N, C-alpha and C. Protein backbone atom coordinates (compact mmCIF):
# COMPACT_ATOMS: atom_id res chain seq x y z
N MET A 1 93.39 99.68 127.06
CA MET A 1 92.07 99.63 126.09
C MET A 1 91.51 100.04 125.26
N SER A 2 91.49 100.99 123.73
CA SER A 2 90.41 101.72 123.74
C SER A 2 89.02 101.31 122.96
N GLY A 3 89.04 99.82 122.44
CA GLY A 3 88.27 99.00 121.42
C GLY A 3 88.08 97.96 121.93
N ARG A 4 87.31 97.13 120.99
CA ARG A 4 87.01 95.33 121.11
C ARG A 4 88.29 94.95 120.57
N LEU A 5 88.10 93.55 121.37
CA LEU A 5 89.05 92.84 120.51
C LEU A 5 88.41 92.00 119.36
N ILE A 6 89.85 92.24 118.47
CA ILE A 6 89.38 91.23 117.40
C ILE A 6 90.38 89.70 117.32
N PHE A 7 90.71 89.48 116.15
CA PHE A 7 91.62 88.66 116.52
C PHE A 7 92.11 87.73 115.17
N HIS A 8 93.10 87.39 115.23
CA HIS A 8 94.15 87.11 114.07
C HIS A 8 94.93 85.57 114.50
N LEU A 9 94.88 84.60 113.17
CA LEU A 9 95.78 83.38 113.43
C LEU A 9 96.61 84.10 112.74
N CYS A 10 97.78 83.81 113.60
CA CYS A 10 99.63 83.75 112.64
C CYS A 10 100.25 82.74 112.75
N ARG A 11 101.16 82.35 112.22
CA ARG A 11 101.74 81.02 112.11
C ARG A 11 103.56 81.54 113.24
N ALA A 12 103.17 81.30 113.87
CA ALA A 12 104.58 80.96 115.29
C ALA A 12 106.07 81.61 114.34
N ALA A 13 106.20 81.11 113.34
CA ALA A 13 107.30 82.17 111.89
C ALA A 13 107.53 83.27 112.12
N ASP A 14 106.02 83.40 111.42
CA ASP A 14 106.00 85.09 110.98
C ASP A 14 105.95 85.76 112.45
N TRP A 15 105.24 85.48 112.74
CA TRP A 15 105.75 86.52 114.80
C TRP A 15 106.78 86.35 114.88
N ALA A 16 107.72 85.99 115.11
CA ALA A 16 108.89 86.17 115.49
C ALA A 16 109.77 86.51 114.59
N THR A 17 108.79 86.66 113.12
CA THR A 17 109.71 87.36 112.31
C THR A 17 109.50 88.96 112.72
N ALA A 18 108.17 89.06 112.75
CA ALA A 18 107.46 90.81 113.23
C ALA A 18 107.96 91.06 114.25
N GLU A 19 108.09 90.37 115.44
CA GLU A 19 109.37 90.64 117.05
C GLU A 19 110.51 91.26 116.39
N ALA A 20 111.47 90.96 115.62
CA ALA A 20 112.56 91.26 114.69
C ALA A 20 112.58 91.87 114.08
N THR A 21 111.58 91.92 113.39
CA THR A 21 111.71 93.57 112.53
C THR A 21 110.89 94.80 112.76
N GLY A 22 109.45 94.36 113.89
CA GLY A 22 109.21 95.76 114.48
C GLY A 22 107.62 95.71 113.64
N SER A 23 107.77 94.80 112.09
CA SER A 23 106.52 95.23 111.39
C SER A 23 106.15 93.52 111.54
N TYR A 24 104.33 93.69 111.32
CA TYR A 24 104.14 92.57 110.91
C TYR A 24 102.63 92.89 109.54
N GLY A 25 103.10 92.14 108.78
CA GLY A 25 102.44 92.58 107.26
C GLY A 25 101.03 91.20 107.05
N GLY A 26 101.17 89.98 107.67
CA GLY A 26 100.59 89.14 107.33
C GLY A 26 100.68 87.99 107.05
N SER A 27 100.57 86.94 106.65
CA SER A 27 100.47 85.72 106.02
C SER A 27 100.61 85.83 104.30
N GLU A 28 101.14 84.86 104.16
CA GLU A 28 101.05 84.64 102.28
C GLU A 28 99.97 85.09 101.93
N GLN A 29 98.75 84.40 102.30
CA GLN A 29 97.22 84.59 102.00
C GLN A 29 96.83 86.14 101.99
N ASP A 30 97.27 86.50 103.55
CA ASP A 30 96.85 88.09 103.82
C ASP A 30 97.64 89.17 102.96
N ARG A 31 98.53 88.40 102.15
CA ARG A 31 99.88 89.76 101.25
C ARG A 31 98.51 89.54 100.16
N THR A 32 98.33 88.35 99.95
CA THR A 32 97.58 87.90 98.35
C THR A 32 96.30 88.73 98.24
N ASP A 33 95.79 88.49 99.48
CA ASP A 33 94.32 89.18 99.45
C ASP A 33 94.40 90.78 99.56
N GLY A 34 95.22 91.71 100.01
CA GLY A 34 95.71 93.06 100.31
C GLY A 34 95.25 93.62 101.61
N PHE A 35 94.92 92.82 102.45
CA PHE A 35 94.77 92.83 103.93
C PHE A 35 94.90 91.57 104.99
N LEU A 36 95.18 92.28 105.94
CA LEU A 36 95.31 90.67 106.85
C LEU A 36 93.82 90.88 107.29
N HIS A 37 93.57 89.98 107.50
CA HIS A 37 92.02 88.79 108.00
C HIS A 37 92.21 89.00 109.40
N PHE A 38 91.31 89.12 109.57
CA PHE A 38 90.65 89.01 111.84
C PHE A 38 89.32 88.41 111.59
N SER A 39 89.02 88.21 113.01
CA SER A 39 87.76 87.75 113.13
C SER A 39 87.37 88.41 114.77
N THR A 40 86.29 88.21 114.53
CA THR A 40 85.34 88.51 116.03
C THR A 40 85.56 87.08 116.84
N VAL A 41 85.37 87.72 117.94
CA VAL A 41 85.33 86.44 119.37
C VAL A 41 84.31 85.36 118.84
N ASP A 42 83.16 86.17 118.33
CA ASP A 42 82.33 84.98 117.72
C ASP A 42 82.52 83.93 116.13
N GLN A 43 83.64 84.77 115.40
CA GLN A 43 84.38 84.40 114.15
C GLN A 43 84.82 83.07 114.14
N ILE A 44 86.27 83.46 115.26
CA ILE A 44 87.53 82.73 115.14
C ILE A 44 87.75 81.36 115.25
N VAL A 45 87.09 80.67 116.10
CA VAL A 45 87.01 79.56 115.84
C VAL A 45 86.50 78.83 114.78
N GLU A 46 85.57 79.28 114.43
CA GLU A 46 84.42 78.64 112.91
C GLU A 46 86.28 79.17 112.10
N SER A 47 86.74 80.18 111.65
CA SER A 47 87.88 80.88 110.94
C SER A 47 88.87 79.53 111.10
N ALA A 48 89.28 79.32 112.25
CA ALA A 48 90.19 78.13 112.30
C ALA A 48 89.97 77.33 111.93
N ALA A 49 88.90 76.48 112.07
CA ALA A 49 88.76 75.69 111.45
C ALA A 49 88.48 75.34 109.72
N ARG A 50 88.00 76.72 109.48
CA ARG A 50 87.68 76.65 107.85
C ARG A 50 89.44 77.00 107.00
N HIS A 51 89.87 77.70 107.72
CA HIS A 51 91.39 77.43 106.78
C HIS A 51 92.58 78.03 107.60
N ARG A 52 93.05 76.77 108.69
CA ARG A 52 93.99 76.70 109.20
C ARG A 52 93.79 75.22 109.77
N ALA A 53 92.83 74.41 109.22
CA ALA A 53 92.39 73.48 109.85
C ALA A 53 93.68 72.50 110.13
N GLY A 54 93.86 71.86 111.24
CA GLY A 54 95.43 70.88 111.49
C GLY A 54 96.82 71.27 111.63
N GLU A 55 96.56 72.74 110.99
CA GLU A 55 97.50 73.35 111.48
C GLU A 55 98.54 73.60 112.78
N ASP A 56 99.60 73.08 112.76
CA ASP A 56 100.05 73.47 113.90
C ASP A 56 101.21 74.47 114.48
N ASN A 57 101.53 75.21 115.04
CA ASN A 57 102.12 76.71 115.28
C ASN A 57 101.69 77.39 115.02
N LEU A 58 100.29 77.66 115.47
CA LEU A 58 99.74 78.77 115.12
C LEU A 58 99.27 79.33 116.35
N LEU A 59 99.78 80.81 116.09
CA LEU A 59 99.44 81.53 117.38
C LEU A 59 98.13 82.61 116.98
N LEU A 60 97.93 82.58 118.70
CA LEU A 60 96.22 83.60 118.54
C LEU A 60 96.41 85.08 118.80
N LEU A 61 96.58 85.61 118.34
CA LEU A 61 96.67 87.70 118.50
C LEU A 61 95.15 88.00 118.76
N ALA A 62 95.66 88.55 120.16
CA ALA A 62 94.11 89.65 120.48
C ALA A 62 94.51 91.07 120.26
N VAL A 63 93.83 91.53 119.36
CA VAL A 63 94.23 93.02 118.81
C VAL A 63 92.83 94.12 119.30
N ASP A 64 93.49 95.46 120.20
CA ASP A 64 92.36 96.05 120.04
C ASP A 64 92.29 97.02 118.87
N ALA A 65 90.89 96.52 118.16
CA ALA A 65 90.21 97.09 117.01
C ALA A 65 89.99 98.51 116.89
N GLY A 66 90.20 99.37 118.17
CA GLY A 66 90.07 100.98 118.47
C GLY A 66 91.09 101.53 118.34
N THR A 67 92.14 101.54 117.89
CA THR A 67 93.68 101.47 117.69
C THR A 67 94.11 101.59 116.23
N LEU A 68 93.49 100.76 115.57
CA LEU A 68 93.63 101.17 114.04
C LEU A 68 93.43 101.66 113.57
N GLY A 69 92.56 102.20 113.38
CA GLY A 69 92.28 103.91 112.59
C GLY A 69 91.28 103.27 111.55
N PRO A 70 91.14 103.91 110.54
CA PRO A 70 90.75 103.64 109.23
C PRO A 70 90.90 102.67 108.61
N ALA A 71 91.95 102.08 108.87
CA ALA A 71 93.04 101.44 107.78
C ALA A 71 92.17 99.70 108.00
N LEU A 72 91.54 100.13 109.41
CA LEU A 72 90.29 98.57 109.43
C LEU A 72 88.93 98.61 108.84
N ARG A 73 88.53 97.60 108.51
CA ARG A 73 87.38 98.10 107.48
C ARG A 73 87.01 96.71 108.06
N TRP A 74 85.12 97.06 108.23
CA TRP A 74 84.34 95.96 108.52
C TRP A 74 83.44 95.19 106.70
N GLU A 75 84.16 94.47 106.28
CA GLU A 75 83.72 93.88 105.05
C GLU A 75 82.56 92.77 105.09
N PRO A 76 82.12 92.35 103.95
CA PRO A 76 81.51 91.32 104.41
C PRO A 76 82.11 90.07 103.50
N SER A 77 82.40 89.11 104.22
CA SER A 77 82.39 87.56 103.58
C SER A 77 81.47 87.26 102.06
N ARG A 78 81.81 85.92 101.59
CA ARG A 78 81.01 85.31 100.62
C ARG A 78 79.61 85.47 101.71
N SER A 79 79.59 84.89 102.68
CA SER A 79 78.34 84.95 102.89
C SER A 79 77.75 85.80 103.27
N GLY A 80 78.23 87.01 103.24
CA GLY A 80 77.64 88.34 104.00
C GLY A 80 77.97 88.50 105.58
N ALA A 81 78.42 87.60 106.02
CA ALA A 81 78.97 88.20 107.50
C ALA A 81 80.46 89.39 107.44
N LEU A 82 80.44 90.29 108.12
CA LEU A 82 81.01 90.98 107.95
C LEU A 82 82.29 91.00 108.72
N PHE A 83 83.58 91.03 108.17
CA PHE A 83 84.54 90.18 109.16
C PHE A 83 85.70 91.96 109.38
N PRO A 84 85.74 92.30 109.79
CA PRO A 84 87.64 93.12 109.90
C PRO A 84 88.81 93.11 109.34
N HIS A 85 89.15 93.67 108.07
CA HIS A 85 90.00 93.26 107.58
C HIS A 85 91.08 94.37 108.03
N LEU A 86 92.13 94.00 107.87
CA LEU A 86 93.31 95.82 108.34
C LEU A 86 94.23 95.40 106.58
N HIS A 87 93.61 96.93 106.59
CA HIS A 87 94.41 97.46 105.24
C HIS A 87 95.80 97.64 105.43
N GLY A 88 96.71 97.66 105.60
CA GLY A 88 97.89 97.68 105.88
C GLY A 88 98.49 96.81 107.13
N ALA A 89 100.07 97.19 107.69
CA ALA A 89 100.78 96.42 108.23
C ALA A 89 99.51 96.57 110.03
N LEU A 90 100.38 95.76 111.17
CA LEU A 90 99.99 95.38 112.05
C LEU A 90 100.60 96.25 113.01
N PRO A 91 100.26 96.94 113.66
CA PRO A 91 101.84 97.91 114.44
C PRO A 91 101.47 96.52 115.53
N LEU A 92 102.60 97.07 116.24
CA LEU A 92 102.81 95.62 116.87
C LEU A 92 102.49 95.85 118.43
N GLY A 93 102.16 97.44 118.74
CA GLY A 93 102.03 97.93 119.68
C GLY A 93 100.12 97.99 120.01
N ALA A 94 99.47 97.35 119.18
CA ALA A 94 98.31 97.14 119.14
C ALA A 94 97.69 95.71 119.85
N VAL A 95 98.58 94.76 119.49
CA VAL A 95 98.19 93.61 119.74
C VAL A 95 98.34 93.22 121.85
N ILE A 96 97.16 93.00 122.53
CA ILE A 96 97.14 92.72 123.28
C ILE A 96 97.37 91.91 124.14
N TRP A 97 97.61 90.58 123.58
CA TRP A 97 98.48 89.34 123.94
C TRP A 97 98.68 88.55 122.88
N VAL A 98 99.06 87.35 123.10
CA VAL A 98 99.30 86.25 122.20
C VAL A 98 99.21 85.09 123.12
N HIS A 99 98.68 84.29 122.31
CA HIS A 99 98.60 82.67 122.95
C HIS A 99 98.79 81.47 121.88
N PRO A 100 99.74 80.59 122.10
CA PRO A 100 99.59 79.55 121.78
C PRO A 100 98.31 78.86 121.44
N LEU A 101 97.93 78.11 120.13
CA LEU A 101 97.37 77.42 119.98
C LEU A 101 97.46 75.96 119.54
N ARG A 102 97.38 75.21 120.68
CA ARG A 102 97.52 73.50 120.16
C ARG A 102 96.55 73.25 119.24
N LEU A 103 96.78 71.87 119.05
CA LEU A 103 96.10 71.08 118.24
C LEU A 103 95.37 69.80 119.40
N GLY A 104 93.86 69.85 119.33
CA GLY A 104 93.36 68.67 120.67
C GLY A 104 93.46 67.64 119.70
N PRO A 105 93.49 66.35 120.13
CA PRO A 105 93.11 64.73 120.16
C PRO A 105 92.32 65.34 118.54
N ASP A 106 91.19 65.62 118.45
CA ASP A 106 90.33 65.75 117.43
C ASP A 106 90.90 66.62 116.22
N GLY A 107 92.34 67.14 116.40
CA GLY A 107 92.56 67.64 115.33
C GLY A 107 92.34 69.10 115.43
N ARG A 108 91.07 69.81 116.30
CA ARG A 108 90.99 71.05 116.14
C ARG A 108 91.63 72.22 117.13
N HIS A 109 92.05 72.98 116.91
CA HIS A 109 92.58 73.92 117.54
C HIS A 109 92.18 74.00 118.71
N VAL A 110 92.80 74.21 120.28
CA VAL A 110 92.09 74.40 121.23
C VAL A 110 92.24 75.51 122.14
N PHE A 111 90.91 76.58 121.87
CA PHE A 111 91.40 78.24 121.76
C PHE A 111 90.92 78.69 123.67
N PRO A 112 91.44 79.28 124.24
CA PRO A 112 91.40 79.50 125.62
C PRO A 112 89.75 80.12 125.57
N ALA A 113 89.51 80.53 126.56
CA ALA A 113 88.69 81.24 126.94
C ALA A 113 88.35 82.72 126.64
N LEU A 114 87.58 82.84 125.64
CA LEU A 114 87.68 84.48 125.29
C LEU A 114 86.89 85.53 125.51
N GLU A 115 85.90 84.99 126.47
CA GLU A 115 84.66 86.57 127.09
C GLU A 115 85.54 87.08 127.68
N ALA A 116 85.85 87.34 128.43
CA ALA A 116 87.00 88.07 129.62
C ALA A 116 87.89 88.46 129.17
N GLY A 117 88.10 88.75 127.37
CA GLY A 117 89.14 89.39 126.96
C GLY A 117 90.93 88.76 127.19
N VAL A 118 90.67 88.14 128.17
CA VAL A 118 91.95 87.33 128.56
C VAL A 118 92.26 85.86 128.11
N PRO A 119 93.25 85.08 127.91
CA PRO A 119 93.57 83.62 127.74
C PRO A 119 93.20 83.01 129.18
N SER A 120 92.64 82.06 129.15
CA SER A 120 92.97 81.25 130.66
C SER A 120 93.24 80.06 130.47
């Protein structure tokens, strides 16, 4: 791995298509916005709660930011926080791991421990 991990929330059906075609162009929202939305380890839980609340069949993709080159840009959100945005398709080889996110009893996504870089 050549860089830090960034994270993307992906619908399972979209990921299945990506694996079949060899390319992941993002969700409908990503395509509308013109880039793939990523989050850091410190941002991903809040991003899921804000943008994918109650949504089942999600996968958490961990991506090596160092392999994405200049297509990865750190851009401010409405609140001013910098988020990683990928301007282009995600190379499947940059994905380090994929982890299913189930919904807990409270309706929030249950995340693996992310500090070590691998889901547990």
